[in-house]
Amino acid sequence: MVYWSVLGTLVIELICVVLRFGFGKDSTSATASTIGIMTLGYRIHHGYIGALMIPLGICYCDGPKSWGWWILVIGIALFASDFIHHFLILWPITGTPDFDLVYPSE
């Protein structure tokens, strides 16, 4: 489980870093006019989704490689990637974690 969680975390984080620094996509501004409207202005980080998936995966984990096991692995990867992205990547590089709870008003 640790192997797959770490691998998933690295893949998700690589995608986030490439989009942010390679393509200049800031998710707060890139999703404000679409997802921001659907969430009534609240920012939904992928770590939140991971945090919901972790207990769900624990409840339905029937052993290695069951669907509950994969939900748990993906949940851990999403949660860990979001934490790493905001607090270990963005904060040291940009000087702010950019952990917005709401979308900025226009």
PDB file of N, CA and C in Angstrom:
ATOM      1  N   MET A   1       0.831  -1.188   0.000  1.00  0.00           N
ATOM      2  CA  MET A   1       0.000   0.000   0.000  1.00  0.00           C
ATOM      3  C   MET A   1       0.877   1.253   0.000  1.00  0.00           C
ATOM      4  N   VAL A   2       1.961   1.225   0.761  1.00  0.00           N
ATOM      5  CA  VAL A   2       2.843   2.387   0.821  1.00  0.00           C
ATOM      6  C   VAL A   2       3.415   2.683  -0.564  1.00  0.00           C
ATOM      7  N   TYR A   3       3.853   1.646  -1.262  1.00  0.00           N
ATOM      8  CA  TYR A   3       4.424   1.828  -2.602  1.00  0.00           C
ATOM      9  C   TYR A   3       3.431   2.533  -3.528  1.00  0.00           C
ATOM     10  N   TRP A   4       2.215   2.024  -3.600  1.00  0.00           N
ATOM     11  CA  TRP A   4       1.222   2.595  -4.516  1.00  0.00           C
ATOM     12  C   TRP A   4       0.787   3.998  -4.084  1.00  0.00           C
ATOM     13  N   SER A   5       0.711   4.236  -2.772  1.00  0.00           N
ATOM     14  CA  SER A   5       0.348   5.569  -2.282  1.00  0.00           C
ATOM     15  C   SER A   5       1.431   6.590  -2.629  1.00  0.00           C
ATOM     16  N   VAL A   6       2.688   6.213  -2.435  1.00  0.00           N
ATOM     17  CA  VAL A   6       3.791   7.120  -2.765  1.00  0.00           C
ATOM     18  C   VAL A   6       3.854   7.351  -4.271  1.00  0.00           C
ATOM     19  N   LEU A   7       3.713   6.287  -5.050  1.00  0.00           N
ATOM     20  CA  LEU A   7       3.732   6.430  -6.513  1.00  0.00           C
ATOM     21  C   LEU A   7       2.594   7.338  -6.981  1.00  0.00           C
ATOM     22  N   GLY A   8       1.396   7.123  -6.455  1.00  0.00           N
ATOM     23  CA  GLY A   8       0.258   7.970  -6.809  1.00  0.00           C
ATOM     24  C   GLY A   8       0.480   9.422  -6.426  1.00  0.00           C
ATOM     25  N   THR A   9       1.039   9.634  -5.239  1.00  0.00           N
ATOM     26  CA  THR A   9       1.338  10.990  -4.777  1.00  0.00           C
ATOM     27  C   THR A   9       2.310  11.677  -5.731  1.00  0.00           C
ATOM     28  N   LEU A  10       3.355  10.972  -6.114  1.00  0.00           N
ATOM     29  CA  LEU A  10       4.358  11.551  -7.016  1.00  0.00           C
ATOM     30  C   LEU A  10       3.771  11.873  -8.388  1.00  0.00           C
ATOM     31  N   VAL A  11       2.936  10.996  -8.911  1.00  0.00           N
ATOM     32  CA  VAL A  11       2.321  11.240 -10.230  1.00  0.00           C
ATOM     33  C   VAL A  11       1.388  12.454 -10.164  1.00  0.00           C
ATOM     34  N   ILE A  12       0.538  12.506  -9.146  1.00  0.00           N
ATOM     35  CA  ILE A  12      -0.393  13.639  -9.006  1.00  0.00           C
ATOM     36  C   ILE A  12       0.390  14.936  -8.821  1.00  0.00           C
ATOM     37  N   GLU A  13       1.426  14.900  -7.990  1.00  0.00           N
ATOM     38  CA  GLU A  13       2.209  16.110  -7.736  1.00  0.00           C
ATOM     39  C   GLU A  13       2.968  16.549  -8.979  1.00  0.00           C
ATOM     40  N   LEU A  14       3.471  15.606  -9.748  1.00  0.00           N
ATOM     41  CA  LEU A  14       4.154  15.944 -10.993  1.00  0.00           C
ATOM     42  C   LEU A  14       3.204  16.663 -11.952  1.00  0.00           C
ATOM     43  N   ILE A  15       1.983  16.179 -12.049  1.00  0.00           N
ATOM     44  CA  ILE A  15       0.978  16.840 -12.889  1.00  0.00           C
ATOM     45  C   ILE A  15       0.719  18.255 -12.380  1.00  0.00           C
ATOM     46  N   CYS A  16       0.560  18.410 -11.067  1.00  0.00           N
ATOM     47  CA  CYS A  16       0.307  19.737 -10.483  1.00  0.00           C
ATOM     48  C   CYS A  16       1.461  20.699 -10.753  1.00  0.00           C
ATOM     49  N   VAL A  17       2.691  20.224 -10.578  1.00  0.00           N
ATOM     50  CA  VAL A  17       3.870  21.080 -10.768  1.00  0.00           C
ATOM     51  C   VAL A  17       4.031  21.461 -12.242  1.00  0.00           C
ATOM     52  N   VAL A  18       3.821  20.506 -13.130  1.00  0.00           N
ATOM     53  CA  VAL A  18       3.942  20.803 -14.565  1.00  0.00           C
ATOM     54  C   VAL A  18       2.876  21.812 -14.988  1.00  0.00           C
ATOM     55  N   LEU A  19       1.654  21.635 -14.539  1.00  0.00           N
ATOM     56  CA  LEU A  19       0.599  22.597 -14.892  1.00  0.00           C
ATOM     57  C   LEU A  19       0.885  23.972 -14.302  1.00  0.00           C
ATOM     58  N   ARG A  20       1.333  24.020 -13.052  1.00  0.00           N
ATOM     59  CA  ARG A  20       1.561  25.297 -12.380  1.00  0.00           C
ATOM     60  C   ARG A  20       2.768  26.038 -12.940  1.00  0.00           C
ATOM     61  N   PHE A  21       3.906  25.363 -12.997  1.00  0.00           N
ATOM     62  CA  PHE A  21       5.137  26.046 -13.379  1.00  0.00           C
ATOM     63  C   PHE A  21       5.483  25.882 -14.859  1.00  0.00           C
ATOM     64  N   GLY A  22       5.076  24.784 -15.468  1.00  0.00           N
ATOM     65  CA  GLY A  22       5.368  24.568 -16.882  1.00  0.00           C
ATOM     66  C   GLY A  22       4.409  25.309 -17.801  1.00  0.00           C
ATOM     67  N   PHE A  23       3.126  25.298 -17.437  1.00  0.00           N
ATOM     68  CA  PHE A  23       2.107  25.927 -18.273  1.00  0.00           C
ATOM     69  C   PHE A  23       1.518  27.191 -17.653  1.00  0.00           C
ATOM     70  N   GLY A  24       1.982  27.551 -16.458  1.00  0.00           N
ATOM     71  CA  GLY A  24       1.511  28.778 -15.809  1.00  0.00           C
ATOM     72  C   GLY A  24       0.053  28.746 -15.407  1.00  0.00           C
ATOM     73  N   LYS A  25      -0.476  27.561 -15.133  1.00  0.00           N
ATOM     74  CA  LYS A  25      -1.882  27.432 -14.744  1.00  0.00           C
ATOM     75  C   LYS A  25      -2.016  27.501 -13.224  1.00  0.00           C
ATOM     76  N   ASP A  26      -2.602  28.560 -12.750  1.00  0.00           N
ATOM     77  CA  ASP A  26      -2.909  28.708 -11.334  1.00  0.00           C
ATOM     78  C   ASP A  26      -4.335  28.211 -11.155  1.00  0.00           C
ATOM     79  N   SER A  27      -4.533  27.152 -10.393  1.00  0.00           N
ATOM     80  CA  SER A  27      -5.855  26.535 -10.329  1.00  0.00           C
ATOM     81  C   SER A  27      -6.924  27.466  -9.762  1.00  0.00           C
ATOM     82  N   THR A  28      -6.549  28.372  -8.879  1.00  0.00           N
ATOM     83  CA  THR A  28      -7.546  29.307  -8.345  1.00  0.00           C
ATOM     84  C   THR A  28      -8.136  30.161  -9.451  1.00  0.00           C
ATOM     85  N   SER A  29      -7.308  30.723 -10.306  1.00  0.00           N
ATOM     86  CA  SER A  29      -7.839  31.571 -11.379  1.00  0.00           C
ATOM     87  C   SER A  29      -8.340  30.740 -12.558  1.00  0.00           C
ATOM     88  N   ALA A  30      -7.749  29.569 -12.793  1.00  0.00           N
ATOM     89  CA  ALA A  30      -8.148  28.754 -13.937  1.00  0.00           C
ATOM     90  C   ALA A  30      -9.514  28.096 -13.748  1.00  0.00           C
ATOM     91  N   THR A  31      -9.928  27.887 -12.500  1.00  0.00           N
ATOM     92  CA  THR A  31     -11.198  27.194 -12.263  1.00  0.00           C
ATOM     93  C   THR A  31     -12.274  28.076 -11.635  1.00  0.00           C
ATOM     94  N   ALA A  32     -11.973  29.333 -11.395  1.00  0.00           N
ATOM     95  CA  ALA A  32     -12.928  30.219 -10.714  1.00  0.00           C
ATOM     96  C   ALA A  32     -14.222  30.388 -11.496  1.00  0.00           C
ATOM     97  N   SER A  33     -14.144  30.476 -12.812  1.00  0.00           N
ATOM     98  CA  SER A  33     -15.340  30.742 -13.609  1.00  0.00           C
ATOM     99  C   SER A  33     -16.141  29.478 -13.912  1.00  0.00           C
ATOM    100  N   THR A  34     -15.608  28.320 -13.601  1.00  0.00           N
ATOM    101  CA  THR A  34     -16.344  27.077 -13.870  1.00  0.00           C
ATOM    102  C   THR A  34     -16.678  26.365 -12.562  1.00  0.00           C
ATOM    103  N   ILE A  35     -15.696  25.742 -11.978  1.00  0.00           N
ATOM    104  CA  ILE A  35     -15.911  24.996 -10.741  1.00  0.00           C
ATOM    105  C   ILE A  35     -16.293  25.935  -9.607  1.00  0.00           C
ATOM    106  N   GLY A  36     -15.728  27.134  -9.603  1.00  0.00           N
ATOM    107  CA  GLY A  36     -16.047  28.110  -8.563  1.00  0.00           C
ATOM    108  C   GLY A  36     -17.520  28.448  -8.505  1.00  0.00           C
ATOM    109  N   ILE A  37     -18.168  28.490  -9.650  1.00  0.00           N
ATOM    110  CA  ILE A  37     -19.611  28.766  -9.691  1.00  0.00           C
ATOM    111  C   ILE A  37     -20.390  27.577  -9.130  1.00  0.00           C
ATOM    112  N   MET A  38     -19.970  26.367  -9.504  1.00  0.00           N
ATOM    113  CA  MET A  38     -20.670  25.162  -9.043  1.00  0.00           C
ATOM    114  C   MET A  38     -20.518  24.943  -7.537  1.00  0.00           C
ATOM    115  N   THR A  39     -19.415  25.404  -6.952  1.00  0.00           N
ATOM    116  CA  THR A  39     -19.176  25.203  -5.518  1.00  0.00           C
ATOM    117  C   THR A  39     -19.543  26.449  -4.703  1.00  0.00           C
ATOM    118  N   LEU A  40     -20.265  27.367  -5.323  1.00  0.00           N
ATOM    119  CA  LEU A  40     -20.724  28.594  -4.669  1.00  0.00           C
ATOM    120  C   LEU A  40     -19.569  29.431  -4.128  1.00  0.00           C
ATOM    121  N   GLY A  41     -18.446  29.397  -4.839  1.00  0.00           N
ATOM    122  CA  GLY A  41     -17.302  30.203  -4.474  1.00  0.00           C
ATOM    123  C   GLY A  41     -16.316  29.546  -3.528  1.00  0.00           C
ATOM    124  N   TYR A  42     -16.647  28.350  -3.050  1.00  0.00           N
ATOM    125  CA  TYR A  42     -15.729  27.638  -2.165  1.00  0.00           C
ATOM    126  C   TYR A  42     -14.731  26.841  -2.991  1.00  0.00           C
ATOM    127  N   ARG A  43     -13.500  26.874  -2.582  1.00  0.00           N
ATOM    128  CA  ARG A  43     -12.419  26.173  -3.268  1.00  0.00           C
ATOM    129  C   ARG A  43     -12.383  24.722  -2.820  1.00  0.00           C
ATOM    130  N   ILE A  44     -12.434  23.770  -3.727  1.00  0.00           N
ATOM    131  CA  ILE A  44     -12.357  22.347  -3.403  1.00  0.00           C
ATOM    132  C   ILE A  44     -10.970  21.850  -3.817  1.00  0.00           C
ATOM    133  N   HIS A  45     -10.112  21.624  -2.842  1.00  0.00           N
ATOM    134  CA  HIS A  45      -8.773  21.099  -3.103  1.00  0.00           C
ATOM    135  C   HIS A  45      -8.858  19.583  -3.268  1.00  0.00           C
ATOM    136  N   HIS A  46      -7.933  19.012  -4.037  1.00  0.00           N
ATOM    137  CA  HIS A  46      -7.979  17.559  -4.201  1.00  0.00           C
ATOM    138  C   HIS A  46      -7.662  16.838  -2.896  1.00  0.00           C
ATOM    139  N   GLY A  47      -7.036  17.530  -1.967  1.00  0.00           N
ATOM    140  CA  GLY A  47      -6.803  16.949  -0.645  1.00  0.00           C
ATOM    141  C   GLY A  47      -8.098  16.709   0.117  1.00  0.00           C
ATOM    142  N   TYR A  48      -9.102  17.560  -0.104  1.00  0.00           N
ATOM    143  CA  TYR A  48     -10.402  17.363   0.544  1.00  0.00           C
ATOM    144  C   TYR A  48     -11.036  16.060   0.057  1.00  0.00           C
ATOM    145  N   ILE A  49     -10.952  15.828  -1.235  1.00  0.00           N
ATOM    146  CA  ILE A  49     -11.519  14.611  -1.811  1.00  0.00           C
ATOM    147  C   ILE A  49     -10.777  13.395  -1.251  1.00  0.00           C
ATOM    148  N   GLY A  50      -9.450  13.506  -1.172  1.00  0.00           N
ATOM    149  CA  GLY A  50      -8.659  12.435  -0.585  1.00  0.00           C
ATOM    150  C   GLY A  50      -9.036  12.178   0.861  1.00  0.00           C
ATOM    151  N   ALA A  51      -9.259  13.247   1.623  1.00  0.00           N
ATOM    152  CA  ALA A  51      -9.633  13.096   3.035  1.00  0.00           C
ATOM    153  C   ALA A  51     -10.975  12.382   3.189  1.00  0.00           C
ATOM    154  N   LEU A  52     -11.870  12.552   2.236  1.00  0.00           N
ATOM    155  CA  LEU A  52     -13.147  11.830   2.257  1.00  0.00           C
ATOM    156  C   LEU A  52     -12.981  10.378   1.823  1.00  0.00           C
ATOM    157  N   MET A  53     -12.056  10.144   0.902  1.00  0.00           N
ATOM    158  CA  MET A  53     -11.851   8.789   0.395  1.00  0.00           C
ATOM    159  C   MET A  53     -11.145   7.885   1.401  1.00  0.00           C
ATOM    160  N   ILE A  54     -10.299   8.443   2.249  1.00  0.00           N
ATOM    161  CA  ILE A  54      -9.524   7.624   3.199  1.00  0.00           C
ATOM    162  C   ILE A  54     -10.433   6.829   4.146  1.00  0.00           C
ATOM    163  N   PRO A  55     -11.365   7.455   4.873  1.00  0.00           N
ATOM    164  CA  PRO A  55     -12.217   6.634   5.748  1.00  0.00           C
ATOM    165  C   PRO A  55     -13.135   5.697   4.966  1.00  0.00           C
ATOM    166  N   LEU A  56     -13.569   6.125   3.791  1.00  0.00           N
ATOM    167  CA  LEU A  56     -14.394   5.262   2.947  1.00  0.00           C
ATOM    168  C   LEU A  56     -13.610   4.012   2.549  1.00  0.00           C
ATOM    169  N   GLY A  57     -12.358   4.210   2.147  1.00  0.00           N
ATOM    170  CA  GLY A  57     -11.507   3.087   1.778  1.00  0.00           C
ATOM    171  C   GLY A  57     -11.246   2.159   2.949  1.00  0.00           C
ATOM    172  N   ILE A  58     -11.055   2.739   4.140  1.00  0.00           N
ATOM    173  CA  ILE A  58     -10.829   1.917   5.333  1.00  0.00           C
ATOM    174  C   ILE A  58     -12.056   1.046   5.614  1.00  0.00           C
ATOM    175  N   CYS A  59     -13.233   1.628   5.488  1.00  0.00           N
ATOM    176  CA  CYS A  59     -14.467   0.886   5.766  1.00  0.00           C
ATOM    177  C   CYS A  59     -14.690  -0.269   4.794  1.00  0.00           C
ATOM    178  N   TYR A  60     -14.286  -0.093   3.545  1.00  0.00           N
ATOM    179  CA  TYR A  60     -14.578  -1.096   2.520  1.00  0.00           C
ATOM    180  C   TYR A  60     -13.357  -1.886   2.060  1.00  0.00           C
ATOM    181  N   CYS A  61     -12.264  -1.776   2.765  1.00  0.00           N
ATOM    182  CA  CYS A  61     -11.048  -2.506   2.383  1.00  0.00           C
ATOM    183  C   CYS A  61     -11.181  -3.970   2.795  1.00  0.00           C
ATOM    184  N   ASP A  62     -11.245  -4.860   1.818  1.00  0.00           N
ATOM    185  CA  ASP A  62     -11.375  -6.292   2.071  1.00  0.00           C
ATOM    186  C   ASP A  62     -10.052  -7.015   1.911  1.00  0.00           C
ATOM    187  N   GLY A  63      -8.973  -6.283   1.910  1.00  0.00           N
ATOM    188  CA  GLY A  63      -7.665  -6.886   1.726  1.00  0.00           C
ATOM    189  C   GLY A  63      -6.951  -6.238   0.562  1.00  0.00           C
ATOM    190  N   PRO A  64      -5.726  -6.669   0.329  1.00  0.00           N
ATOM    191  CA  PRO A  64      -4.931  -6.066  -0.751  1.00  0.00           C
ATOM    192  C   PRO A  64      -5.619  -6.161  -2.107  1.00  0.00           C
ATOM    193  N   LYS A  65      -5.591  -5.041  -2.817  1.00  0.00           N
ATOM    194  CA  LYS A  65      -6.087  -4.905  -4.188  1.00  0.00           C
ATOM    195  C   LYS A  65      -7.605  -4.985  -4.326  1.00  0.00           C
ATOM    196  N   SER A  66      -8.350  -4.931  -3.230  1.00  0.00           N
ATOM    197  CA  SER A  66      -9.804  -4.832  -3.327  1.00  0.00           C
ATOM    198  C   SER A  66     -10.153  -3.405  -3.728  1.00  0.00           C
ATOM    199  N   TRP A  67     -11.394  -3.160  -4.120  1.00  0.00           N
ATOM    200  CA  TRP A  67     -11.750  -1.806  -4.547  1.00  0.00           C
ATOM    201  C   TRP A  67     -11.645  -0.821  -3.389  1.00  0.00           C
ATOM    202  N   GLY A  68     -11.938  -1.253  -2.162  1.00  0.00           N
ATOM    203  CA  GLY A  68     -11.776  -0.388  -0.996  1.00  0.00           C
ATOM    204  C   GLY A  68     -10.313  -0.050  -0.750  1.00  0.00           C
ATOM    205  N   TRP A  69      -9.440  -1.011  -1.017  1.00  0.00           N
ATOM    206  CA  TRP A  69      -7.993  -0.806  -0.876  1.00  0.00           C
ATOM    207  C   TRP A  69      -7.531   0.267  -1.842  1.00  0.00           C
ATOM    208  N   TRP A  70      -8.017   0.206  -3.098  1.00  0.00           N
ATOM    209  CA  TRP A  70      -7.629   1.212  -4.102  1.00  0.00           C
ATOM    210  C   TRP A  70      -8.193   2.594  -3.762  1.00  0.00           C
ATOM    211  N   ILE A  71      -9.403   2.638  -3.215  1.00  0.00           N
ATOM    212  CA  ILE A  71      -9.966   3.920  -2.780  1.00  0.00           C
ATOM    213  C   ILE A  71      -9.081   4.527  -1.690  1.00  0.00           C
ATOM    214  N   LEU A  72      -8.624   3.692  -0.770  1.00  0.00           N
ATOM    215  CA  LEU A  72      -7.740   4.149   0.296  1.00  0.00           C
ATOM    216  C   LEU A  72      -6.413   4.651  -0.269  1.00  0.00           C
ATOM    217  N   VAL A  73      -5.817   3.906  -1.181  1.00  0.00           N
ATOM    218  CA  VAL A  73      -4.541   4.297  -1.790  1.00  0.00           C
ATOM    219  C   VAL A  73      -4.686   5.623  -2.531  1.00  0.00           C
ATOM    220  N   ILE A  74      -5.731   5.749  -3.335  1.00  0.00           N
ATOM    221  CA  ILE A  74      -5.941   6.989  -4.099  1.00  0.00           C
ATOM    222  C   ILE A  74      -6.233   8.154  -3.159  1.00  0.00           C
ATOM    223  N   GLY A  75      -7.001   7.904  -2.099  1.00  0.00           N
ATOM    224  CA  GLY A  75      -7.276   8.941  -1.112  1.00  0.00           C
ATOM    225  C   GLY A  75      -6.022   9.444  -0.433  1.00  0.00           C
ATOM    226  N   ILE A  76      -5.161   8.516  -0.043  1.00  0.00           N
ATOM    227  CA  ILE A  76      -3.886   8.903   0.568  1.00  0.00           C
ATOM    228  C   ILE A  76      -3.056   9.717  -0.417  1.00  0.00           C
ATOM    229  N   ALA A  77      -3.003   9.274  -1.669  1.00  0.00           N
ATOM    230  CA  ALA A  77      -2.213   9.982  -2.687  1.00  0.00           C
ATOM    231  C   ALA A  77      -2.753  11.390  -2.923  1.00  0.00           C
ATOM    232  N   LEU A  78      -4.056  11.555  -3.007  1.00  0.00           N
ATOM    233  CA  LEU A  78      -4.644  12.879  -3.213  1.00  0.00           C
ATOM    234  C   LEU A  78      -4.357  13.801  -2.027  1.00  0.00           C
ATOM    235  N   PHE A  79      -4.560  13.286  -0.825  1.00  0.00           N
ATOM    236  CA  PHE A  79      -4.343  14.091   0.371  1.00  0.00           C
ATOM    237  C   PHE A  79      -2.873  14.491   0.498  1.00  0.00           C
ATOM    238  N   ALA A  80      -1.987  13.515   0.341  1.00  0.00           N
ATOM    239  CA  ALA A  80      -0.546  13.793   0.472  1.00  0.00           C
ATOM    240  C   ALA A  80      -0.060  14.753  -0.610  1.00  0.00           C
ATOM    241  N   SER A  81      -0.540  14.584  -1.823  1.00  0.00           N
ATOM    242  CA  SER A  81      -0.128  15.459  -2.919  1.00  0.00           C
ATOM    243  C   SER A  81      -0.551  16.899  -2.661  1.00  0.00           C
ATOM    244  N   ASP A  82      -1.760  17.097  -2.182  1.00  0.00           N
ATOM    245  CA  ASP A  82      -2.236  18.457  -1.920  1.00  0.00           C
ATOM    246  C   ASP A  82      -1.412  19.109  -0.811  1.00  0.00           C
ATOM    247  N   PHE A  83      -1.131  18.358   0.250  1.00  0.00           N
ATOM    248  CA  PHE A  83      -0.303  18.882   1.335  1.00  0.00           C
ATOM    249  C   PHE A  83       1.087  19.251   0.823  1.00  0.00           C
ATOM    250  N   ILE A  84       1.705  18.330   0.104  1.00  0.00           N
ATOM    251  CA  ILE A  84       3.051  18.570  -0.435  1.00  0.00           C
ATOM    252  C   ILE A  84       3.040  19.766  -1.377  1.00  0.00           C
ATOM    253  N   HIS A  85       2.041  19.828  -2.242  1.00  0.00           N
ATOM    254  CA  HIS A  85       1.979  20.909  -3.228  1.00  0.00           C
ATOM    255  C   HIS A  85       1.914  22.286  -2.571  1.00  0.00           C
ATOM    256  N   HIS A  86       1.019  22.428  -1.610  1.00  0.00           N
ATOM    257  CA  HIS A  86       0.825  23.744  -0.998  1.00  0.00           C
ATOM    258  C   HIS A  86       1.912  24.123   0.000  1.00  0.00           C
ATOM    259  N   PHE A  87       2.337  23.172   0.817  1.00  0.00           N
ATOM    260  CA  PHE A  87       3.209  23.526   1.926  1.00  0.00           C
ATOM    261  C   PHE A  87       4.683  23.190   1.729  1.00  0.00           C
ATOM    262  N   LEU A  88       5.016  22.292   0.821  1.00  0.00           N
ATOM    263  CA  LEU A  88       6.421  21.954   0.587  1.00  0.00           C
ATOM    264  C   LEU A  88       6.930  22.400  -0.782  1.00  0.00           C
ATOM    265  N   ILE A  89       6.025  22.710  -1.692  1.00  0.00           N
ATOM    266  CA  ILE A  89       6.429  23.176  -3.027  1.00  0.00           C
ATOM    267  C   ILE A  89       6.109  24.673  -3.184  1.00  0.00           C
ATOM    268  N   LEU A  90       4.826  25.016  -3.128  1.00  0.00           N
ATOM    269  CA  LEU A  90       4.428  26.409  -3.383  1.00  0.00           C
ATOM    270  C   LEU A  90       4.972  27.386  -2.352  1.00  0.00           C
ATOM    271  N   TRP A  91       4.851  27.059  -1.084  1.00  0.00           N
ATOM    272  CA  TRP A  91       5.255  27.997  -0.046  1.00  0.00           C
ATOM    273  C   TRP A  91       6.728  28.371  -0.154  1.00  0.00           C
ATOM    274  N   PRO A  92       7.653  27.414  -0.261  1.00  0.00           N
ATOM    275  CA  PRO A  92       9.068  27.804  -0.398  1.00  0.00           C
ATOM    276  C   PRO A  92       9.382  28.508  -1.718  1.00  0.00           C
ATOM    277  N   ILE A  93       8.711  28.130  -2.796  1.00  0.00           N
ATOM    278  CA  ILE A  93       9.037  28.699  -4.114  1.00  0.00           C
ATOM    279  C   ILE A  93       8.386  30.060  -4.325  1.00  0.00           C
ATOM    280  N   THR A  94       7.097  30.181  -3.987  1.00  0.00           N
ATOM    281  CA  THR A  94       6.377  31.428  -4.271  1.00  0.00           C
ATOM    282  C   THR A  94       6.245  32.340  -3.057  1.00  0.00           C
ATOM    283  N   GLY A  95       6.528  31.806  -1.871  1.00  0.00           N
ATOM    284  CA  GLY A  95       6.408  32.606  -0.655  1.00  0.00           C
ATOM    285  C   GLY A  95       5.024  32.565  -0.032  1.00  0.00           C
ATOM    286  N   THR A  96       4.094  31.860  -0.652  1.00  0.00           N
ATOM    287  CA  THR A  96       2.749  31.705  -0.113  1.00  0.00           C
ATOM    288  C   THR A  96       2.241  30.308  -0.452  1.00  0.00           C
ATOM    289  N   PRO A  97       1.499  29.685   0.469  1.00  0.00           N
ATOM    290  CA  PRO A  97       0.996  28.344   0.166  1.00  0.00           C
ATOM    291  C   PRO A  97      -0.174  28.350  -0.819  1.00  0.00           C
ATOM    292  N   ASP A  98      -0.755  29.520  -1.076  1.00  0.00           N
ATOM    293  CA  ASP A  98      -1.921  29.609  -1.980  1.00  0.00           C
ATOM    294  C   ASP A  98      -3.012  28.608  -1.617  1.00  0.00           C
ATOM    295  N   PHE A  99      -3.214  28.405  -0.338  1.00  0.00           N
ATOM    296  CA  PHE A  99      -4.246  27.476   0.109  1.00  0.00           C
ATOM    297  C   PHE A  99      -5.532  28.268   0.340  1.00  0.00           C
ATOM    298  N   ASP A 100      -6.151  28.676  -0.755  1.00  0.00           N
ATOM    299  CA  ASP A 100      -7.363  29.493  -0.702  1.00  0.00           C
ATOM    300  C   ASP A 100      -8.551  28.631  -0.302  1.00  0.00           C
ATOM    301  N   LEU A 101      -9.373  29.133   0.596  1.00  0.00           N
ATOM    302  CA  LEU A 101     -10.590  28.428   0.988  1.00  0.00           C
ATOM    303  C   LEU A 101     -11.771  28.852   0.137  1.00  0.00           C
ATOM    304  N   VAL A 102     -11.699  30.067  -0.401  1.00  0.00           N
ATOM    305  CA  VAL A 102     -12.729  30.573  -1.309  1.00  0.00           C
ATOM    306  C   VAL A 102     -12.036  31.181  -2.518  1.00  0.00           C
ATOM    307  N   TYR A 103     -12.768  31.267  -3.597  1.00  0.00           N
ATOM    308  CA  TYR A 103     -12.234  31.927  -4.789  1.00  0.00           C
ATOM    309  C   TYR A 103     -12.242  33.430  -4.566  1.00  0.00           C
ATOM    310  N   PRO A 104     -11.242  34.121  -5.085  1.00  0.00           N
ATOM    311  CA  PRO A 104     -11.209  35.582  -4.907  1.00  0.00           C
ATOM    312  C   PRO A 104     -12.375  36.235  -5.642  1.00  0.00           C
ATOM    313  N   SER A 105     -12.917  37.275  -5.043  1.00  0.00           N
ATOM    314  CA  SER A 105     -14.009  37.985  -5.707  1.00  0.00           C
ATOM    315  C   SER A 105     -13.423  38.830  -6.837  1.00  0.00           C
ATOM    316  N   GLU A 106     -14.181  38.925  -7.897  1.00  0.00           N
ATOM    317  CA  GLU A 106     -13.675  39.652  -9.079  1.00  0.00           C
ATOM    318  C   GLU A 106     -13.872  41.126  -8.976  1.00  0.00           C
TER     319      GLU A 106
END
